[in-house]
Amino acid sequence: MVIWITGLSGAGKTSIGRAVLDLWQQTEPAVVFVDGDEVRRLLGQDQQEDYATAGRRAVAERIVGLCKWLDAQNMNAVCCTISSFPDLLRANRDAFADYFEVYIDVPVATAEARSVSDLYGRARRGEVADVVGVDIPYTPPEFPDMVIDNRAESGEFSGFAEHILRRALTR
């Protein structure tokens, strides 16, 4: 199974995804964590030009390919990535043996307030370009299997993880 967690930068995808991974590995050790930022660094696609729409699409396609490769080997994956390409999200439903899509819904203002790197502020000041939610539109998934409203500042992700994993494994 691939649990695909998507949302804006700062939505909490990675924190929630790691909590899902930790919980899932308690009963199923064959689970891999795939994080969009980590894959970018691994592939050497973390230069400024790689964040333009074409570069983002290329990275998104590689992440899908990586998850397909894991799926073909009967490995479970928790994939956390912005995924702002609706056609790729639609294709994911047919690409994997079992697929569960989670949208972490957070307004841009909340994500901006959480940003340790001031990504959104730097984009608004023109210091960086190609930021999804500022100068690249974000398209939420059309038909996610689950929507998590993560506006709260509690930082408690285990409840989300339990909810996601229970729904994903029992549907």
N, C-alpha and C. Protein backbone atom coordinates (compact mmCIF):
# COMPACT_ATOMS: atom_id res chain seq x y z
N MET A 1 0.84 -1.18 0.00
CA MET A 1 0.00 0.00 0.00
C MET A 1 0.88 1.24 0.00
N VAL A 2 0.41 2.26 -0.70
CA VAL A 2 1.04 3.57 -0.67
C VAL A 2 0.06 4.53 -0.02
N ILE A 3 0.49 5.11 1.10
CA ILE A 3 -0.27 6.19 1.72
C ILE A 3 0.39 7.48 1.27
N TRP A 4 -0.34 8.26 0.49
CA TRP A 4 0.18 9.47 -0.15
C TRP A 4 -0.36 10.67 0.61
N ILE A 5 0.53 11.42 1.27
CA ILE A 5 0.13 12.57 2.08
C ILE A 5 0.55 13.84 1.35
N THR A 6 -0.42 14.70 1.08
CA THR A 6 -0.16 15.90 0.30
C THR A 6 -0.71 17.14 1.00
N GLY A 7 -0.16 18.28 0.64
CA GLY A 7 -0.58 19.57 1.19
C GLY A 7 0.53 20.58 0.96
N LEU A 8 0.28 21.79 1.34
CA LEU A 8 1.26 22.87 1.18
C LEU A 8 2.51 22.64 2.02
N SER A 9 3.57 23.35 1.67
CA SER A 9 4.76 23.38 2.52
C SER A 9 4.34 23.97 3.87
N GLY A 10 4.69 23.31 4.95
CA GLY A 10 4.31 23.78 6.27
C GLY A 10 2.99 23.25 6.76
N ALA A 11 2.34 22.39 5.99
CA ALA A 11 1.04 21.83 6.40
C ALA A 11 1.19 20.78 7.48
N GLY A 12 2.36 20.17 7.57
CA GLY A 12 2.59 19.11 8.55
C GLY A 12 2.71 17.73 7.93
N LYS A 13 2.88 17.68 6.61
CA LYS A 13 2.96 16.39 5.90
C LYS A 13 4.04 15.48 6.47
N THR A 14 5.24 16.00 6.60
CA THR A 14 6.37 15.18 7.04
C THR A 14 6.18 14.72 8.48
N SER A 15 5.77 15.61 9.35
CA SER A 15 5.57 15.22 10.76
C SER A 15 4.48 14.17 10.90
N ILE A 16 3.38 14.38 10.20
CA ILE A 16 2.28 13.41 10.24
C ILE A 16 2.72 12.11 9.58
N GLY A 17 3.41 12.20 8.45
CA GLY A 17 3.88 11.01 7.74
C GLY A 17 4.84 10.18 8.58
N ARG A 18 5.74 10.84 9.30
CA ARG A 18 6.67 10.09 10.16
C ARG A 18 5.92 9.40 11.31
N ALA A 19 4.89 10.05 11.82
CA ALA A 19 4.08 9.42 12.87
C ALA A 19 3.34 8.20 12.31
N VAL A 20 2.83 8.30 11.07
CA VAL A 20 2.18 7.15 10.42
C VAL A 20 3.20 6.03 10.24
N LEU A 21 4.39 6.37 9.76
CA LEU A 21 5.45 5.38 9.57
C LEU A 21 5.77 4.66 10.87
N ASP A 22 6.00 5.41 11.94
CA ASP A 22 6.36 4.81 13.24
C ASP A 22 5.27 3.86 13.71
N LEU A 23 4.03 4.27 13.58
CA LEU A 23 2.91 3.45 14.02
C LEU A 23 2.77 2.20 13.15
N TRP A 24 2.87 2.36 11.84
CA TRP A 24 2.70 1.25 10.91
C TRP A 24 3.82 0.22 11.08
N GLN A 25 5.04 0.69 11.32
CA GLN A 25 6.17 -0.23 11.47
C GLN A 25 6.07 -1.08 12.74
N GLN A 26 5.20 -0.72 13.65
CA GLN A 26 5.00 -1.55 14.84
C GLN A 26 4.38 -2.90 14.48
N THR A 27 3.59 -2.93 13.41
CA THR A 27 2.95 -4.18 12.99
C THR A 27 3.42 -4.67 11.63
N GLU A 28 4.03 -3.79 10.85
CA GLU A 28 4.47 -4.14 9.50
C GLU A 28 5.84 -3.50 9.25
N PRO A 29 6.91 -4.27 9.37
CA PRO A 29 8.25 -3.67 9.23
C PRO A 29 8.60 -3.23 7.80
N ALA A 30 7.91 -3.74 6.79
CA ALA A 30 8.24 -3.41 5.40
C ALA A 30 7.54 -2.12 4.96
N VAL A 31 7.86 -1.03 5.63
CA VAL A 31 7.31 0.28 5.29
C VAL A 31 8.47 1.24 5.08
N VAL A 32 8.40 2.01 3.99
CA VAL A 32 9.44 2.96 3.63
C VAL A 32 8.85 4.36 3.67
N PHE A 33 9.65 5.32 4.11
CA PHE A 33 9.25 6.72 4.15
C PHE A 33 9.83 7.43 2.93
N VAL A 34 8.98 8.06 2.13
CA VAL A 34 9.40 8.80 0.94
C VAL A 34 8.97 10.25 1.14
N ASP A 35 9.94 11.12 1.32
CA ASP A 35 9.66 12.55 1.53
C ASP A 35 10.14 13.34 0.33
N GLY A 36 9.29 14.21 -0.19
CA GLY A 36 9.61 14.98 -1.38
C GLY A 36 10.92 15.75 -1.27
N ASP A 37 11.15 16.42 -0.14
CA ASP A 37 12.39 17.18 0.02
C ASP A 37 13.61 16.26 0.06
N GLU A 38 13.49 15.10 0.71
CA GLU A 38 14.61 14.17 0.78
C GLU A 38 14.91 13.58 -0.61
N VAL A 39 13.86 13.28 -1.38
CA VAL A 39 14.06 12.75 -2.73
C VAL A 39 14.74 13.80 -3.60
N ARG A 40 14.32 15.07 -3.47
CA ARG A 40 14.96 16.16 -4.22
C ARG A 40 16.47 16.18 -3.95
N ARG A 41 16.84 16.14 -2.66
CA ARG A 41 18.26 16.18 -2.31
C ARG A 41 18.99 14.94 -2.85
N LEU A 42 18.37 13.78 -2.71
CA LEU A 42 18.97 12.54 -3.19
C LEU A 42 19.24 12.58 -4.69
N LEU A 43 18.31 13.13 -5.44
CA LEU A 43 18.43 13.20 -6.90
C LEU A 43 19.22 14.42 -7.37
N GLY A 44 19.61 15.28 -6.44
CA GLY A 44 20.33 16.50 -6.82
C GLY A 44 19.44 17.49 -7.56
N GLN A 45 18.15 17.46 -7.25
CA GLN A 45 17.21 18.38 -7.91
C GLN A 45 16.66 19.38 -6.90
N ASP A 46 17.59 20.03 -6.19
CA ASP A 46 17.17 20.99 -5.17
C ASP A 46 17.77 22.38 -5.43
N GLN A 47 18.07 22.66 -6.69
CA GLN A 47 18.53 23.99 -7.08
C GLN A 47 17.31 24.85 -7.41
N GLN A 48 17.47 26.16 -7.40
CA GLN A 48 16.34 27.06 -7.60
C GLN A 48 15.54 26.73 -8.86
N GLU A 49 16.23 26.43 -9.97
CA GLU A 49 15.50 26.15 -11.21
C GLU A 49 14.65 24.87 -11.11
N ASP A 50 14.98 24.00 -10.18
CA ASP A 50 14.21 22.77 -10.00
C ASP A 50 12.87 23.02 -9.32
N TYR A 51 12.66 24.23 -8.82
CA TYR A 51 11.41 24.55 -8.13
C TYR A 51 10.38 25.22 -9.06
N ALA A 52 10.79 25.56 -10.27
CA ALA A 52 9.82 26.07 -11.25
C ALA A 52 8.86 24.93 -11.58
N THR A 53 7.76 25.26 -12.21
CA THR A 53 6.72 24.25 -12.46
C THR A 53 7.26 23.02 -13.19
N ALA A 54 8.08 23.21 -14.22
CA ALA A 54 8.62 22.07 -14.98
C ALA A 54 9.50 21.19 -14.08
N GLY A 55 10.34 21.81 -13.26
CA GLY A 55 11.19 21.05 -12.34
C GLY A 55 10.38 20.32 -11.29
N ARG A 56 9.35 20.98 -10.79
CA ARG A 56 8.47 20.34 -9.80
C ARG A 56 7.78 19.12 -10.41
N ARG A 57 7.35 19.26 -11.64
CA ARG A 57 6.69 18.14 -12.32
C ARG A 57 7.67 16.97 -12.50
N ALA A 58 8.89 17.26 -12.91
CA ALA A 58 9.89 16.21 -13.09
C ALA A 58 10.15 15.47 -11.77
N VAL A 59 10.27 16.21 -10.70
CA VAL A 59 10.49 15.58 -9.39
C VAL A 59 9.25 14.76 -8.99
N ALA A 60 8.07 15.31 -9.21
CA ALA A 60 6.83 14.60 -8.87
C ALA A 60 6.74 13.27 -9.63
N GLU A 61 7.10 13.29 -10.89
CA GLU A 61 7.08 12.06 -11.68
C GLU A 61 8.10 11.05 -11.17
N ARG A 62 9.24 11.51 -10.72
CA ARG A 62 10.25 10.61 -10.16
C ARG A 62 9.78 10.01 -8.84
N ILE A 63 9.09 10.80 -8.04
CA ILE A 63 8.56 10.28 -6.77
C ILE A 63 7.51 9.21 -7.04
N VAL A 64 6.64 9.44 -8.01
CA VAL A 64 5.66 8.42 -8.41
C VAL A 64 6.40 7.16 -8.86
N GLY A 65 7.43 7.33 -9.69
CA GLY A 65 8.21 6.19 -10.17
C GLY A 65 8.86 5.42 -9.03
N LEU A 66 9.41 6.13 -8.06
CA LEU A 66 10.02 5.49 -6.90
C LEU A 66 8.99 4.68 -6.13
N CYS A 67 7.81 5.26 -5.92
CA CYS A 67 6.75 4.54 -5.19
C CYS A 67 6.25 3.33 -5.99
N LYS A 68 6.20 3.45 -7.31
CA LYS A 68 5.82 2.29 -8.14
C LYS A 68 6.84 1.17 -7.98
N TRP A 69 8.10 1.52 -7.96
CA TRP A 69 9.18 0.56 -7.79
C TRP A 69 9.05 -0.16 -6.45
N LEU A 70 8.80 0.60 -5.39
CA LEU A 70 8.61 0.00 -4.07
C LEU A 70 7.37 -0.89 -4.05
N ASP A 71 6.28 -0.41 -4.63
CA ASP A 71 5.03 -1.17 -4.68
C ASP A 71 5.22 -2.50 -5.42
N ALA A 72 5.98 -2.48 -6.50
CA ALA A 72 6.23 -3.70 -7.28
C ALA A 72 7.01 -4.73 -6.47
N GLN A 73 7.71 -4.27 -5.43
CA GLN A 73 8.47 -5.16 -4.56
C GLN A 73 7.71 -5.50 -3.28
N ASN A 74 6.42 -5.20 -3.28
CA ASN A 74 5.56 -5.45 -2.12
C ASN A 74 6.01 -4.71 -0.87
N MET A 75 6.55 -3.51 -1.09
CA MET A 75 6.92 -2.65 0.02
C MET A 75 5.81 -1.62 0.21
N ASN A 76 5.48 -1.35 1.45
CA ASN A 76 4.52 -0.29 1.77
C ASN A 76 5.29 1.02 1.81
N ALA A 77 4.61 2.11 1.49
CA ALA A 77 5.27 3.42 1.51
C ALA A 77 4.35 4.47 2.09
N VAL A 78 4.96 5.37 2.84
CA VAL A 78 4.30 6.60 3.28
C VAL A 78 5.02 7.69 2.50
N CYS A 79 4.30 8.34 1.59
CA CYS A 79 4.90 9.34 0.71
C CYS A 79 4.34 10.72 1.07
N CYS A 80 5.23 11.65 1.37
CA CYS A 80 4.83 13.01 1.75
C CYS A 80 5.41 14.00 0.74
N THR A 81 4.52 14.63 -0.02
CA THR A 81 4.96 15.55 -1.05
C THR A 81 3.84 16.55 -1.38
N ILE A 82 4.21 17.72 -1.88
CA ILE A 82 3.22 18.75 -2.20
C ILE A 82 2.22 18.24 -3.24
N SER A 83 2.67 17.58 -4.28
CA SER A 83 1.78 16.94 -5.28
C SER A 83 0.71 17.87 -5.83
N SER A 84 1.12 18.93 -6.47
CA SER A 84 0.11 19.87 -6.98
C SER A 84 -0.23 19.63 -8.45
N PHE A 85 -0.13 18.38 -8.89
CA PHE A 85 -0.47 18.03 -10.26
C PHE A 85 -1.65 17.05 -10.24
N PRO A 86 -2.86 17.54 -10.46
CA PRO A 86 -4.06 16.69 -10.36
C PRO A 86 -4.00 15.44 -11.23
N ASP A 87 -3.43 15.55 -12.43
CA ASP A 87 -3.38 14.37 -13.31
C ASP A 87 -2.52 13.26 -12.71
N LEU A 88 -1.43 13.62 -12.03
CA LEU A 88 -0.59 12.60 -11.39
C LEU A 88 -1.32 11.95 -10.22
N LEU A 89 -2.04 12.76 -9.45
CA LEU A 89 -2.79 12.19 -8.33
C LEU A 89 -3.87 11.24 -8.84
N ARG A 90 -4.56 11.62 -9.91
CA ARG A 90 -5.56 10.72 -10.50
C ARG A 90 -4.91 9.42 -10.98
N ALA A 91 -3.77 9.52 -11.63
CA ALA A 91 -3.07 8.34 -12.15
C ALA A 91 -2.57 7.44 -11.03
N ASN A 92 -2.27 8.01 -9.87
CA ASN A 92 -1.81 7.21 -8.73
C ASN A 92 -2.82 6.12 -8.36
N ARG A 93 -4.09 6.41 -8.51
CA ARG A 93 -5.11 5.45 -8.12
C ARG A 93 -5.02 4.15 -8.93
N ASP A 94 -4.53 4.25 -10.17
CA ASP A 94 -4.36 3.06 -10.99
C ASP A 94 -2.93 2.52 -10.94
N ALA A 95 -2.00 3.31 -10.47
CA ALA A 95 -0.58 2.95 -10.52
C ALA A 95 -0.16 1.98 -9.43
N PHE A 96 -0.87 1.99 -8.31
CA PHE A 96 -0.42 1.22 -7.15
C PHE A 96 -1.41 0.10 -6.82
N ALA A 97 -0.89 -0.96 -6.22
CA ALA A 97 -1.73 -2.09 -5.83
C ALA A 97 -2.82 -1.63 -4.86
N ASP A 98 -2.46 -0.75 -3.94
CA ASP A 98 -3.41 -0.19 -2.99
C ASP A 98 -2.94 1.23 -2.68
N TYR A 99 -3.84 2.19 -2.74
CA TYR A 99 -3.49 3.60 -2.64
C TYR A 99 -4.46 4.31 -1.73
N PHE A 100 -3.93 5.13 -0.83
CA PHE A 100 -4.76 5.90 0.09
C PHE A 100 -4.20 7.31 0.13
N GLU A 101 -5.02 8.28 -0.29
CA GLU A 101 -4.58 9.67 -0.41
C GLU A 101 -5.11 10.51 0.74
N VAL A 102 -4.20 11.24 1.38
CA VAL A 102 -4.55 12.09 2.51
C VAL A 102 -4.15 13.53 2.17
N TYR A 103 -5.11 14.42 2.30
CA TYR A 103 -4.85 15.84 2.07
C TYR A 103 -4.79 16.54 3.41
N ILE A 104 -3.65 17.16 3.70
CA ILE A 104 -3.50 17.94 4.93
C ILE A 104 -3.89 19.37 4.58
N ASP A 105 -5.06 19.76 5.01
CA ASP A 105 -5.66 21.05 4.66
C ASP A 105 -5.21 22.11 5.66
N VAL A 106 -4.46 23.06 5.15
CA VAL A 106 -3.98 24.18 5.96
C VAL A 106 -4.00 25.42 5.07
N PRO A 107 -4.61 26.50 5.52
CA PRO A 107 -4.57 27.74 4.74
C PRO A 107 -3.13 28.25 4.59
N VAL A 108 -2.86 28.95 3.50
CA VAL A 108 -1.52 29.48 3.27
C VAL A 108 -1.07 30.32 4.46
N ALA A 109 -1.96 31.10 5.04
CA ALA A 109 -1.58 31.96 6.18
C ALA A 109 -1.08 31.14 7.36
N THR A 110 -1.69 30.00 7.61
CA THR A 110 -1.24 29.13 8.71
C THR A 110 0.12 28.52 8.37
N ALA A 111 0.27 28.04 7.14
CA ALA A 111 1.55 27.47 6.71
C ALA A 111 2.64 28.53 6.79
N GLU A 112 2.32 29.73 6.39
CA GLU A 112 3.29 30.82 6.43
C GLU A 112 3.71 31.12 7.87
N ALA A 113 2.76 31.14 8.78
CA ALA A 113 3.08 31.41 10.18
C ALA A 113 3.97 30.32 10.78
N ARG A 114 3.84 29.09 10.31
CA ARG A 114 4.63 27.96 10.81
C ARG A 114 6.02 27.89 10.20
N SER A 115 6.24 28.55 9.08
CA SER A 115 7.46 28.36 8.30
C SER A 115 8.69 28.83 9.07
N VAL A 116 9.51 27.88 9.49
CA VAL A 116 10.75 28.18 10.20
C VAL A 116 11.73 28.91 9.28
N SER A 117 11.73 28.55 7.99
CA SER A 117 12.65 29.16 7.03
C SER A 117 12.12 30.46 6.44
N ASP A 118 10.91 30.87 6.84
CA ASP A 118 10.27 32.07 6.30
C ASP A 118 10.11 31.98 4.79
N LEU A 119 9.86 30.76 4.29
CA LEU A 119 9.73 30.53 2.85
C LEU A 119 8.69 31.44 2.21
N TYR A 120 7.51 31.50 2.79
CA TYR A 120 6.43 32.30 2.20
C TYR A 120 6.76 33.80 2.28
N GLY A 121 7.30 34.24 3.40
CA GLY A 121 7.68 35.64 3.54
C GLY A 121 8.76 36.03 2.54
N ARG A 122 9.76 35.15 2.37
CA ARG A 122 10.82 35.43 1.40
C ARG A 122 10.24 35.50 -0.01
N ALA A 123 9.26 34.64 -0.31
CA ALA A 123 8.62 34.67 -1.64
C ALA A 123 7.84 35.96 -1.83
N ARG A 124 7.13 36.38 -0.81
CA ARG A 124 6.33 37.62 -0.92
C ARG A 124 7.23 38.86 -1.08
N ARG A 125 8.43 38.78 -0.50
CA ARG A 125 9.38 39.90 -0.63
C ARG A 125 10.19 39.82 -1.92
N GLY A 126 9.98 38.76 -2.73
CA GLY A 126 10.70 38.61 -3.99
C GLY A 126 12.10 38.05 -3.84
N GLU A 127 12.43 37.52 -2.66
CA GLU A 127 13.77 36.97 -2.43
C GLU A 127 13.92 35.57 -3.02
N VAL A 128 12.83 34.83 -3.14
CA VAL A 128 12.81 33.52 -3.79
C VAL A 128 11.59 33.47 -4.69
N ALA A 129 11.68 32.63 -5.70
CA ALA A 129 10.56 32.48 -6.63
C ALA A 129 10.10 31.03 -6.63
N ASP A 130 9.00 30.80 -7.33
CA ASP A 130 8.48 29.45 -7.55
C ASP A 130 8.07 28.76 -6.25
N VAL A 131 7.34 29.46 -5.42
CA VAL A 131 6.84 28.91 -4.17
C VAL A 131 5.36 28.58 -4.35
N VAL A 132 5.04 27.31 -4.16
CA VAL A 132 3.64 26.87 -4.28
C VAL A 132 2.83 27.55 -3.18
N GLY A 133 1.74 28.16 -3.59
CA GLY A 133 0.88 28.89 -2.66
C GLY A 133 1.12 30.39 -2.70
N VAL A 134 2.22 30.81 -3.35
CA VAL A 134 2.50 32.24 -3.50
C VAL A 134 2.49 32.58 -4.99
N ASP A 135 3.53 32.17 -5.72
CA ASP A 135 3.54 32.49 -7.14
C ASP A 135 3.30 31.28 -8.05
N ILE A 136 3.14 30.12 -7.46
CA ILE A 136 2.67 28.94 -8.18
C ILE A 136 1.39 28.51 -7.47
N PRO A 137 0.28 28.44 -8.20
CA PRO A 137 -0.98 28.06 -7.55
C PRO A 137 -0.91 26.63 -7.01
N TYR A 138 -1.56 26.42 -5.88
CA TYR A 138 -1.67 25.07 -5.32
C TYR A 138 -3.06 24.54 -5.66
N THR A 139 -3.09 23.36 -6.22
CA THR A 139 -4.36 22.70 -6.53
C THR A 139 -4.54 21.54 -5.57
N PRO A 140 -5.47 21.64 -4.63
CA PRO A 140 -5.69 20.53 -3.70
C PRO A 140 -6.17 19.30 -4.46
N PRO A 141 -5.98 18.12 -3.90
CA PRO A 141 -6.47 16.92 -4.57
C PRO A 141 -7.98 16.97 -4.76
N GLU A 142 -8.44 16.37 -5.86
CA GLU A 142 -9.87 16.41 -6.19
C GLU A 142 -10.69 15.48 -5.31
N PHE A 143 -10.20 14.27 -5.09
CA PHE A 143 -10.96 13.26 -4.37
C PHE A 143 -10.09 12.52 -3.36
N PRO A 144 -9.55 13.21 -2.35
CA PRO A 144 -8.72 12.50 -1.38
C PRO A 144 -9.56 11.49 -0.60
N ASP A 145 -8.91 10.45 -0.13
CA ASP A 145 -9.61 9.46 0.69
C ASP A 145 -9.86 10.01 2.09
N MET A 146 -9.03 10.98 2.49
CA MET A 146 -9.18 11.57 3.82
C MET A 146 -8.66 13.00 3.77
N VAL A 147 -9.33 13.89 4.50
CA VAL A 147 -8.88 15.27 4.64
C VAL A 147 -8.63 15.50 6.13
N ILE A 148 -7.44 16.01 6.43
CA ILE A 148 -7.08 16.35 7.81
C ILE A 148 -6.96 17.87 7.89
N ASP A 149 -7.74 18.48 8.77
CA ASP A 149 -7.63 19.91 9.01
C ASP A 149 -6.56 20.09 10.08
N ASN A 150 -5.42 20.62 9.68
CA ASN A 150 -4.28 20.74 10.59
C ASN A 150 -3.96 22.20 10.90
N ARG A 151 -4.99 22.97 11.19
CA ARG A 151 -4.78 24.38 11.54
C ARG A 151 -4.28 24.54 12.97
N ALA A 152 -4.58 23.59 13.82
CA ALA A 152 -4.23 23.70 15.24
C ALA A 152 -2.71 23.71 15.42
N GLU A 153 -2.27 24.31 16.46
CA GLU A 153 -0.84 24.42 16.74
C GLU A 153 -0.38 23.41 17.78
N SER A 154 -1.17 22.36 18.02
CA SER A 154 -0.85 21.43 19.11
C SER A 154 0.43 20.65 18.88
N GLY A 155 0.77 20.36 17.62
CA GLY A 155 1.96 19.56 17.35
C GLY A 155 1.77 18.09 17.68
N GLU A 156 0.56 17.68 17.96
CA GLU A 156 0.26 16.29 18.31
C GLU A 156 -0.20 15.56 17.06
N PHE A 157 0.69 14.71 16.53
CA PHE A 157 0.40 14.05 15.27
C PHE A 157 0.03 12.58 15.43
N SER A 158 0.21 12.01 16.62
CA SER A 158 -0.09 10.59 16.79
C SER A 158 -1.58 10.31 16.59
N GLY A 159 -2.45 11.22 16.99
CA GLY A 159 -3.88 11.03 16.78
C GLY A 159 -4.22 11.01 15.30
N PHE A 160 -3.60 11.92 14.54
CA PHE A 160 -3.78 11.92 13.09
C PHE A 160 -3.27 10.61 12.50
N ALA A 161 -2.10 10.17 12.95
CA ALA A 161 -1.49 8.95 12.41
C ALA A 161 -2.38 7.74 12.64
N GLU A 162 -2.91 7.62 13.84
CA GLU A 162 -3.79 6.49 14.16
C GLU A 162 -5.04 6.52 13.28
N HIS A 163 -5.60 7.69 13.11
CA HIS A 163 -6.80 7.86 12.29
C HIS A 163 -6.52 7.50 10.83
N ILE A 164 -5.42 8.01 10.29
CA ILE A 164 -5.04 7.73 8.90
C ILE A 164 -4.82 6.24 8.70
N LEU A 165 -4.02 5.63 9.55
CA LEU A 165 -3.67 4.22 9.39
C LEU A 165 -4.89 3.32 9.55
N ARG A 166 -5.74 3.62 10.51
CA ARG A 166 -6.96 2.82 10.70
C ARG A 166 -7.83 2.87 9.46
N ARG A 167 -8.05 4.08 8.92
CA ARG A 167 -8.89 4.23 7.72
C ARG A 167 -8.25 3.57 6.50
N ALA A 168 -6.94 3.74 6.35
CA ALA A 168 -6.26 3.20 5.17
C ALA A 168 -6.28 1.66 5.16
N LEU A 169 -6.11 1.07 6.32
CA LEU A 169 -5.99 -0.39 6.38
C LEU A 169 -7.31 -1.12 6.50
N THR A 170 -8.40 -0.39 6.78
CA THR A 170 -9.68 -1.08 6.97
C THR A 170 -10.74 -0.74 5.93
N ARG A 171 -10.39 -0.04 4.91
CA ARG A 171 -11.43 0.32 3.92
C ARG A 171 -11.65 -0.79 2.94
